[in-house]
Structures are given as C-alpha cells and as structure tokens.
C-alpha cells in the first residue's frame, strides 16, 4: 500500500508539472489603466504632400503621381530639361478680391525674367484663377475681371520691369471652375486665389500647350 501511495503522489506531481508547462502568459485585457501616449512634432519645412521625397518647400512640381521618379526639384523625369532647355514653374497667391502681387513673389519673378533672357526661345504661360467666394461677388459677375487683373499684373511686371517681349507670354483666365482645394474653409479659399505660370522652350510646351504653329 505504501508503494502504491508513492506512485500515486509521483503521478500527481508529474500531472501538475505538465499543466504548469502548458500554461500561457495571460493577455492583459485591462483597458482602464492609463497608457503612455507618444507624441511627435512635425517640421513644416519637411512636409512632403505628394510623397516624392522632395519637401513641399522645394517642390516645383507638387502632386506628382505616386511612385514616379522625380528630379531634385520634384518634377517627373519626363519633364527633366534637356541640354539647352529650360522649364520652371511659378505660383502666387492673393488676398481676397485683390490682384496686388505680394512682395515675397517679386524676387522670384525677377529670377524668371533672367531665365527668359538666358533662353530667348522660351515661352511663358500664365494662368489666373479665383475662388468661389470671389466669383460670387457682384463686382466679379463676369468671373473674368479679377482673374484678368491678376494675370495682367504678372505679365505687365515682366514687360515693364524687365522688357520681356509680350509675344513670348501667353495668358489664360479662369473663374472658380478649377479649384485646387475645397472652398469651404479659409485656407482652401486662399489656395484657390492664385496665379500659376510656367516657362518652357520644349516642343511639348510650345506646340501642345500654347498651340503655336510651325
């Protein structure tokens, strides 16, 4: 009987050890205890909205398609200038119902004029846009008046200040039908009150955009 008892105890111990070995670490389901929150700060100068690896502040071609090869300025490889060619983009934003060029854009316009001198075969395309609130103003009933004032302001500055040949400049005016941001908040409205321009001496620009005949 004593031997039988010892065997029973041994079997019981082995069973207990087996159970302990099979146990898993319990999962903490306590959702009430406070968790540490990690916060990070974002440097606005390093924002890259289109994810092309070029910060927005240096990106001359924003909103390029995902996974597209770009140059150091953020422009697609297909737009890389060939030897002896030039391509550059310019953007200016305006206060509501204003066509005044802000001083921070003047220096860039001066650089543009210099490029036009360096590349006498280059042409310039300038587009002007207005926001939806501006289009709803009575004085802008034609939807083109304010846009025309903006684009003419850029064109006249280049002609009068830098003697750029007006025949090398093409201007286009739009109402609010080409927004780049929603018009339902102040930031979006400001982004839509803009001028966009490009300098190029490539065949694509001259023939397909400006429709200049040979």
C-alpha atoms as a PDB file:
ATOM      1  CA  UNK A   1       0.000   0.000   0.000  1.00  0.00           C
ATOM      2  CA  UNK A   2       2.825   2.358   0.828  1.00  0.00           C
ATOM      3  CA  UNK A   3       4.386   1.741  -2.565  1.00  0.00           C
ATOM      4  CA  UNK A   4       1.056   2.385  -4.281  1.00  0.00           C
ATOM      5  CA  UNK A   5       0.666   5.688  -2.427  1.00  0.00           C
ATOM      6  CA  UNK A   6       4.120   6.838  -3.506  1.00  0.00           C
ATOM      7  CA  UNK A   7       3.321   6.004  -7.121  1.00  0.00           C
ATOM      8  CA  UNK A   8       0.067   7.972  -6.907  1.00  0.00           C
ATOM      9  CA  UNK A   9       1.877  11.005  -5.478  1.00  0.00           C
ATOM     10  CA  UNK A  10       4.507  10.811  -8.231  1.00  0.00           C
ATOM     11  CA  UNK A  11       1.849  10.672 -10.945  1.00  0.00           C
ATOM     12  CA  UNK A  12       0.059  13.648  -9.378  1.00  0.00           C
ATOM     13  CA  UNK A  13       3.284  15.697  -9.320  1.00  0.00           C
ATOM     14  CA  UNK A  14       4.007  14.872 -12.962  1.00  0.00           C
ATOM     15  CA  UNK A  15       0.480  15.952 -13.930  1.00  0.00           C
ATOM     16  CA  UNK A  16       0.876  19.252 -12.092  1.00  0.00           C
ATOM     17  CA  UNK A  17       4.212  19.919 -13.794  1.00  0.00           C
ATOM     18  CA  UNK A  18       2.634  19.205 -17.179  1.00  0.00           C
ATOM     19  CA  UNK A  19      -0.152  21.676 -16.505  1.00  0.00           C
ATOM     20  CA  UNK A  20       2.311  24.351 -15.428  1.00  0.00           C
ATOM     21  CA  UNK A  21       4.402  23.792 -18.559  1.00  0.00           C
ATOM     22  CA  UNK A  22       1.387  24.205 -20.828  1.00  0.00           C
ATOM     23  CA  UNK A  23       0.246  27.451 -19.288  1.00  0.00           C
ATOM     24  CA  UNK A  24       0.465  30.557 -21.477  1.00  0.00           C
ATOM     25  CA  UNK A  25       1.131  34.122 -20.406  1.00  0.00           C
ATOM     26  CA  UNK A  26      -2.255  35.764 -19.814  1.00  0.00           C
ATOM     27  CA  UNK A  27      -3.179  38.649 -22.110  1.00  0.00           C
ATOM     28  CA  UNK A  28      -3.686  41.955 -20.377  1.00  0.00           C
ATOM     29  CA  UNK A  29      -7.243  42.956 -21.189  1.00  0.00           C
ATOM     30  CA  UNK A  30      -7.302  45.785 -18.713  1.00  0.00           C
ATOM     31  CA  UNK A  31      -8.361  48.774 -20.780  1.00  0.00           C
ATOM     32  CA  UNK A  32      -8.899  51.007 -17.790  1.00  0.00           C
ATOM     33  CA  UNK A  33      -5.272  51.513 -16.824  1.00  0.00           C
ATOM     34  CA  UNK A  34      -3.652  54.627 -18.306  1.00  0.00           C
ATOM     35  CA  UNK A  35      -1.404  54.108 -21.315  1.00  0.00           C
ATOM     36  CA  UNK A  36       1.595  56.181 -22.269  1.00  0.00           C
ATOM     37  CA  UNK A  37       0.863  58.426 -25.276  1.00  0.00           C
ATOM     38  CA  UNK A  38       3.778  59.207 -27.562  1.00  0.00           C
ATOM     39  CA  UNK A  39       3.572  62.491 -29.433  1.00  0.00           C
ATOM     40  CA  UNK A  40       5.787  63.690 -32.239  1.00  0.00           C
ATOM     41  CA  UNK A  41       6.236  67.153 -33.672  1.00  0.00           C
ATOM     42  CA  UNK A  42       6.122  67.835 -37.417  1.00  0.00           C
ATOM     43  CA  UNK A  43       8.587  70.183 -39.061  1.00  0.00           C
ATOM     44  CA  UNK A  44       6.540  72.062 -41.676  1.00  0.00           C
ATOM     45  CA  UNK A  45       9.680  72.657 -43.732  1.00  0.00           C
ATOM     46  CA  UNK A  46       9.966  68.891 -44.245  1.00  0.00           C
ATOM     47  CA  UNK A  47       6.362  68.223 -45.279  1.00  0.00           C
ATOM     48  CA  UNK A  48       6.151  66.172 -48.466  1.00  0.00           C
ATOM     49  CA  UNK A  49       2.493  66.119 -49.510  1.00  0.00           C
ATOM     50  CA  UNK A  50       2.929  64.047 -52.669  1.00  0.00           C
ATOM     51  CA  UNK A  51       5.477  61.649 -51.151  1.00  0.00           C
ATOM     52  CA  UNK A  52       8.087  62.078 -53.879  1.00  0.00           C
ATOM     53  CA  UNK A  53      10.946  62.641 -51.436  1.00  0.00           C
ATOM     54  CA  UNK A  54      11.199  66.377 -52.089  1.00  0.00           C
ATOM     55  CA  UNK A  55       9.881  68.677 -49.306  1.00  0.00           C
ATOM     56  CA  UNK A  56       6.938  70.879 -50.330  1.00  0.00           C
ATOM     57  CA  UNK A  57       9.032  73.987 -49.743  1.00  0.00           C
ATOM     58  CA  UNK A  58      11.424  72.898 -52.531  1.00  0.00           C
ATOM     59  CA  UNK A  59       8.929  71.026 -54.719  1.00  0.00           C
ATOM     60  CA  UNK A  60       8.492  72.803 -58.066  1.00  0.00           C
ATOM     61  CA  UNK A  61       6.039  70.148 -59.294  1.00  0.00           C
ATOM     62  CA  UNK A  62       3.616  69.322 -56.451  1.00  0.00           C
ATOM     63  CA  UNK A  63       1.080  66.500 -56.645  1.00  0.00           C
ATOM     64  CA  UNK A  64       3.216  64.231 -58.835  1.00  0.00           C
ATOM     65  CA  UNK A  65       1.741  60.699 -59.126  1.00  0.00           C
ATOM     66  CA  UNK A  66       2.783  58.140 -56.519  1.00  0.00           C
ATOM     67  CA  UNK A  67       5.997  56.208 -57.154  1.00  0.00           C
ATOM     68  CA  UNK A  68       7.118  58.460 -60.014  1.00  0.00           C
ATOM     69  CA  UNK A  69      10.818  59.198 -60.472  1.00  0.00           C
ATOM     70  CA  UNK A  70      11.474  62.901 -59.977  1.00  0.00           C
ATOM     71  CA  UNK A  71      14.428  65.261 -60.179  1.00  0.00           C
ATOM     72  CA  UNK A  72      15.843  67.189 -57.161  1.00  0.00           C
ATOM     73  CA  UNK A  73      13.145  69.832 -57.732  1.00  0.00           C
ATOM     74  CA  UNK A  74      10.338  67.280 -57.510  1.00  0.00           C
ATOM     75  CA  UNK A  75       9.476  67.247 -61.231  1.00  0.00           C
ATOM     76  CA  UNK A  76       8.807  63.998 -63.135  1.00  0.00           C
ATOM     77  CA  UNK A  77      11.685  62.573 -65.147  1.00  0.00           C
ATOM     78  CA  UNK A  78       9.679  63.182 -68.325  1.00  0.00           C
ATOM     79  CA  UNK A  79       9.908  66.873 -67.559  1.00  0.00           C
ATOM     80  CA  UNK A  80      13.633  66.924 -66.921  1.00  0.00           C
ATOM     81  CA  UNK A  81      15.160  69.634 -69.097  1.00  0.00           C
ATOM     82  CA  UNK A  82      17.358  68.505 -71.939  1.00  0.00           C
ATOM     83  CA  UNK A  83      20.656  70.187 -72.662  1.00  0.00           C
ATOM     84  CA  UNK A  84      19.959  73.745 -73.782  1.00  0.00           C
ATOM     85  CA  UNK A  85      16.389  73.692 -72.473  1.00  0.00           C
ATOM     86  CA  UNK A  86      14.640  75.258 -69.513  1.00  0.00           C
ATOM     87  CA  UNK A  87      11.500  74.515 -67.544  1.00  0.00           C
ATOM     88  CA  UNK A  88      10.361  76.326 -64.438  1.00  0.00           C
ATOM     89  CA  UNK A  89       7.085  76.818 -62.562  1.00  0.00           C
ATOM     90  CA  UNK A  90       5.791  79.752 -60.530  1.00  0.00           C
ATOM     91  CA  UNK A  91       2.868  80.182 -58.127  1.00  0.00           C
ATOM     92  CA  UNK A  92       1.495  83.250 -56.409  1.00  0.00           C
ATOM     93  CA  UNK A  93      -1.458  83.502 -54.039  1.00  0.00           C
ATOM     94  CA  UNK A  94      -3.637  86.554 -53.449  1.00  0.00           C
ATOM     95  CA  UNK A  95      -5.735  88.182 -50.786  1.00  0.00           C
ATOM     96  CA  UNK A  96      -9.477  88.023 -51.382  1.00  0.00           C
ATOM     97  CA  UNK A  97     -10.647  90.229 -54.267  1.00  0.00           C
ATOM     98  CA  UNK A  98      -7.125  91.580 -54.761  1.00  0.00           C
ATOM     99  CA  UNK A  99      -4.778  91.485 -57.744  1.00  0.00           C
ATOM    100  CA  UNK A 100      -1.806  93.027 -55.939  1.00  0.00           C
ATOM    101  CA  UNK A 101       1.386  90.992 -56.259  1.00  0.00           C
ATOM    102  CA  UNK A 102       2.783  90.360 -52.798  1.00  0.00           C
ATOM    103  CA  UNK A 103       6.356  91.455 -52.217  1.00  0.00           C
ATOM    104  CA  UNK A 104       7.507  87.916 -51.415  1.00  0.00           C
ATOM    105  CA  UNK A 105       6.884  86.912 -55.048  1.00  0.00           C
ATOM    106  CA  UNK A 106       8.802  89.772 -56.677  1.00  0.00           C
ATOM    107  CA  UNK A 107      12.254  88.229 -56.239  1.00  0.00           C
ATOM    108  CA  UNK A 108      11.096  85.013 -57.892  1.00  0.00           C
ATOM    109  CA  UNK A 109       9.603  86.954 -60.807  1.00  0.00           C
ATOM    110  CA  UNK A 110      12.943  88.700 -61.242  1.00  0.00           C
ATOM    111  CA  UNK A 111      14.654  85.309 -61.464  1.00  0.00           C
ATOM    112  CA  UNK A 112      12.111  84.296 -64.051  1.00  0.00           C
ATOM    113  CA  UNK A 113      12.876  87.329 -66.171  1.00  0.00           C
ATOM    114  CA  UNK A 114      16.553  86.415 -66.037  1.00  0.00           C
ATOM    115  CA  UNK A 115      15.755  82.927 -67.327  1.00  0.00           C
ATOM    116  CA  UNK A 116      13.750  84.419 -70.165  1.00  0.00           C
ATOM    117  CA  UNK A 117      16.821  86.446 -71.120  1.00  0.00           C
ATOM    118  CA  UNK A 118      19.071  83.388 -70.895  1.00  0.00           C
ATOM    119  CA  UNK A 119      16.737  81.318 -73.095  1.00  0.00           C
ATOM    120  CA  UNK A 120      15.417  83.574 -75.893  1.00  0.00           C
ATOM    121  CA  UNK A 121      13.450  80.667 -77.389  1.00  0.00           C
ATOM    122  CA  UNK A 122      11.480  80.085 -74.186  1.00  0.00           C
ATOM    123  CA  UNK A 123       7.827  80.993 -73.837  1.00  0.00           C
ATOM    124  CA  UNK A 124       5.770  81.717 -70.752  1.00  0.00           C
ATOM    125  CA  UNK A 125       2.266  80.520 -69.952  1.00  0.00           C
ATOM    126  CA  UNK A 126       0.377  82.284 -67.141  1.00  0.00           C
ATOM    127  CA  UNK A 127      -2.970  81.136 -65.710  1.00  0.00           C
ATOM    128  CA  UNK A 128      -5.064  83.124 -63.244  1.00  0.00           C
ATOM    129  CA  UNK A 129      -7.774  81.652 -61.007  1.00  0.00           C
ATOM    130  CA  UNK A 130     -10.260  82.956 -58.479  1.00  0.00           C
ATOM    131  CA  UNK A 131     -12.047  81.338 -55.543  1.00  0.00           C
ATOM    132  CA  UNK A 132     -15.746  80.544 -55.356  1.00  0.00           C
ATOM    133  CA  UNK A 133     -16.439  83.341 -52.825  1.00  0.00           C
ATOM    134  CA  UNK A 134     -14.740  85.800 -55.180  1.00  0.00           C
ATOM    135  CA  UNK A 135     -16.832  84.562 -58.107  1.00  0.00           C
ATOM    136  CA  UNK A 136     -19.967  85.229 -56.056  1.00  0.00           C
ATOM    137  CA  UNK A 137     -19.087  88.893 -55.530  1.00  0.00           C
ATOM    138  CA  UNK A 138     -21.200  91.267 -57.609  1.00  0.00           C
ATOM    139  CA  UNK A 139     -18.183  93.166 -58.959  1.00  0.00           C
ATOM    140  CA  UNK A 140     -16.813  89.905 -60.355  1.00  0.00           C
ATOM    141  CA  UNK A 141     -20.021  88.980 -62.124  1.00  0.00           C
ATOM    142  CA  UNK A 142     -18.148  88.355 -65.365  1.00  0.00           C
ATOM    143  CA  UNK A 143     -15.967  85.857 -63.460  1.00  0.00           C
ATOM    144  CA  UNK A 144     -13.019  87.014 -65.544  1.00  0.00           C
ATOM    145  CA  UNK A 145     -12.373  90.561 -64.339  1.00  0.00           C
ATOM    146  CA  UNK A 146     -10.385  89.673 -61.227  1.00  0.00           C
ATOM    147  CA  UNK A 147      -8.571  86.768 -62.874  1.00  0.00           C
ATOM    148  CA  UNK A 148      -7.594  89.038 -65.764  1.00  0.00           C
ATOM    149  CA  UNK A 149      -6.294  91.683 -63.362  1.00  0.00           C
ATOM    150  CA  UNK A 150      -4.107  89.083 -61.661  1.00  0.00           C
ATOM    151  CA  UNK A 151      -2.616  87.635 -64.818  1.00  0.00           C
ATOM    152  CA  UNK A 152      -2.123  91.070 -66.384  1.00  0.00           C
ATOM    153  CA  UNK A 153      -0.325  92.190 -63.238  1.00  0.00           C
ATOM    154  CA  UNK A 154       2.270  89.430 -63.640  1.00  0.00           C
ATOM    155  CA  UNK A 155       2.605  89.993 -67.374  1.00  0.00           C
ATOM    156  CA  UNK A 156       2.932  93.774 -67.103  1.00  0.00           C
ATOM    157  CA  UNK A 157       5.559  93.492 -64.370  1.00  0.00           C
ATOM    158  CA  UNK A 158       7.749  91.310 -66.580  1.00  0.00           C
ATOM    159  CA  UNK A 159       7.268  93.558 -69.602  1.00  0.00           C
ATOM    160  CA  UNK A 160       7.706  96.913 -67.873  1.00  0.00           C
ATOM    161  CA  UNK A 161      10.405  95.966 -65.369  1.00  0.00           C
ATOM    162  CA  UNK A 162      12.422  93.533 -67.490  1.00  0.00           C
ATOM    163  CA  UNK A 163      11.467  94.360 -71.099  1.00  0.00           C
ATOM    164  CA  UNK A 164      10.236  90.844 -71.826  1.00  0.00           C
ATOM    165  CA  UNK A 165       8.725  90.609 -75.307  1.00  0.00           C
ATOM    166  CA  UNK A 166       4.923  90.382 -74.816  1.00  0.00           C
ATOM    167  CA  UNK A 167       4.723  87.949 -77.743  1.00  0.00           C
ATOM    168  CA  UNK A 168       6.567  85.410 -75.592  1.00  0.00           C
ATOM    169  CA  UNK A 169       3.874  85.479 -72.927  1.00  0.00           C
ATOM    170  CA  UNK A 170       0.509  83.724 -73.166  1.00  0.00           C
ATOM    171  CA  UNK A 171      -2.169  84.434 -70.581  1.00  0.00           C
ATOM    172  CA  UNK A 172      -5.312  82.494 -69.655  1.00  0.00           C
ATOM    173  CA  UNK A 173      -8.042  83.427 -67.191  1.00  0.00           C
ATOM    174  CA  UNK A 174     -10.401  81.126 -65.341  1.00  0.00           C
ATOM    175  CA  UNK A 175     -13.255  81.548 -62.955  1.00  0.00           C
ATOM    176  CA  UNK A 176     -13.597  79.235 -59.960  1.00  0.00           C
ATOM    177  CA  UNK A 177     -14.070  76.063 -62.005  1.00  0.00           C
ATOM    178  CA  UNK A 178     -10.528  74.793 -61.434  1.00  0.00           C
ATOM    179  CA  UNK A 179     -10.039  74.782 -57.648  1.00  0.00           C
ATOM    180  CA  UNK A 180      -7.059  73.016 -56.125  1.00  0.00           C
ATOM    181  CA  UNK A 181      -8.656  72.954 -52.658  1.00  0.00           C
ATOM    182  CA  UNK A 182     -12.188  72.971 -51.167  1.00  0.00           C
ATOM    183  CA  UNK A 183     -13.805  76.404 -50.925  1.00  0.00           C
ATOM    184  CA  UNK A 184     -15.465  75.617 -47.600  1.00  0.00           C
ATOM    185  CA  UNK A 185     -12.711  76.980 -45.350  1.00  0.00           C
ATOM    186  CA  UNK A 186     -10.401  79.998 -45.309  1.00  0.00           C
ATOM    187  CA  UNK A 187      -7.263  78.008 -46.115  1.00  0.00           C
ATOM    188  CA  UNK A 188      -8.820  76.371 -49.163  1.00  0.00           C
ATOM    189  CA  UNK A 189     -10.174  79.685 -50.433  1.00  0.00           C
ATOM    190  CA  UNK A 190      -6.732  81.259 -50.165  1.00  0.00           C
ATOM    191  CA  UNK A 191      -5.127  78.431 -52.160  1.00  0.00           C
ATOM    192  CA  UNK A 192      -7.649  78.914 -54.967  1.00  0.00           C
ATOM    193  CA  UNK A 193      -6.915  82.639 -55.276  1.00  0.00           C
ATOM    194  CA  UNK A 194      -3.835  82.097 -57.350  1.00  0.00           C
ATOM    195  CA  UNK A 195      -1.708  82.509 -60.440  1.00  0.00           C
ATOM    196  CA  UNK A 196       0.168  79.566 -61.921  1.00  0.00           C
ATOM    197  CA  UNK A 197       2.838  80.042 -64.584  1.00  0.00           C
ATOM    198  CA  UNK A 198       5.449  78.000 -66.409  1.00  0.00           C
ATOM    199  CA  UNK A 199       8.462  78.782 -68.594  1.00  0.00           C
ATOM    200  CA  UNK A 200       9.463  76.207 -71.183  1.00  0.00           C
ATOM    201  CA  UNK A 201      11.234  76.027 -74.525  1.00  0.00           C
ATOM    202  CA  UNK A 202      10.431  72.386 -75.209  1.00  0.00           C
ATOM    203  CA  UNK A 203       8.330  71.241 -78.149  1.00  0.00           C
ATOM    204  CA  UNK A 204       5.625  69.847 -75.866  1.00  0.00           C
ATOM    205  CA  UNK A 205       5.091  73.175 -74.177  1.00  0.00           C
ATOM    206  CA  UNK A 206       5.236  75.305 -77.296  1.00  0.00           C
ATOM    207  CA  UNK A 207       3.094  73.198 -79.605  1.00  0.00           C
ATOM    208  CA  UNK A 208       0.705  71.331 -77.326  1.00  0.00           C
ATOM    209  CA  UNK A 209       0.057  73.928 -74.647  1.00  0.00           C
ATOM    210  CA  UNK A 210       0.409  77.216 -76.486  1.00  0.00           C
ATOM    211  CA  UNK A 211      -0.768  75.780 -79.828  1.00  0.00           C
ATOM    212  CA  UNK A 212       1.925  77.659 -81.743  1.00  0.00           C
ATOM    213  CA  UNK A 213       2.090  76.559 -85.349  1.00  0.00           C
ATOM    214  CA  UNK A 214       5.328  75.718 -87.110  1.00  0.00           C
END
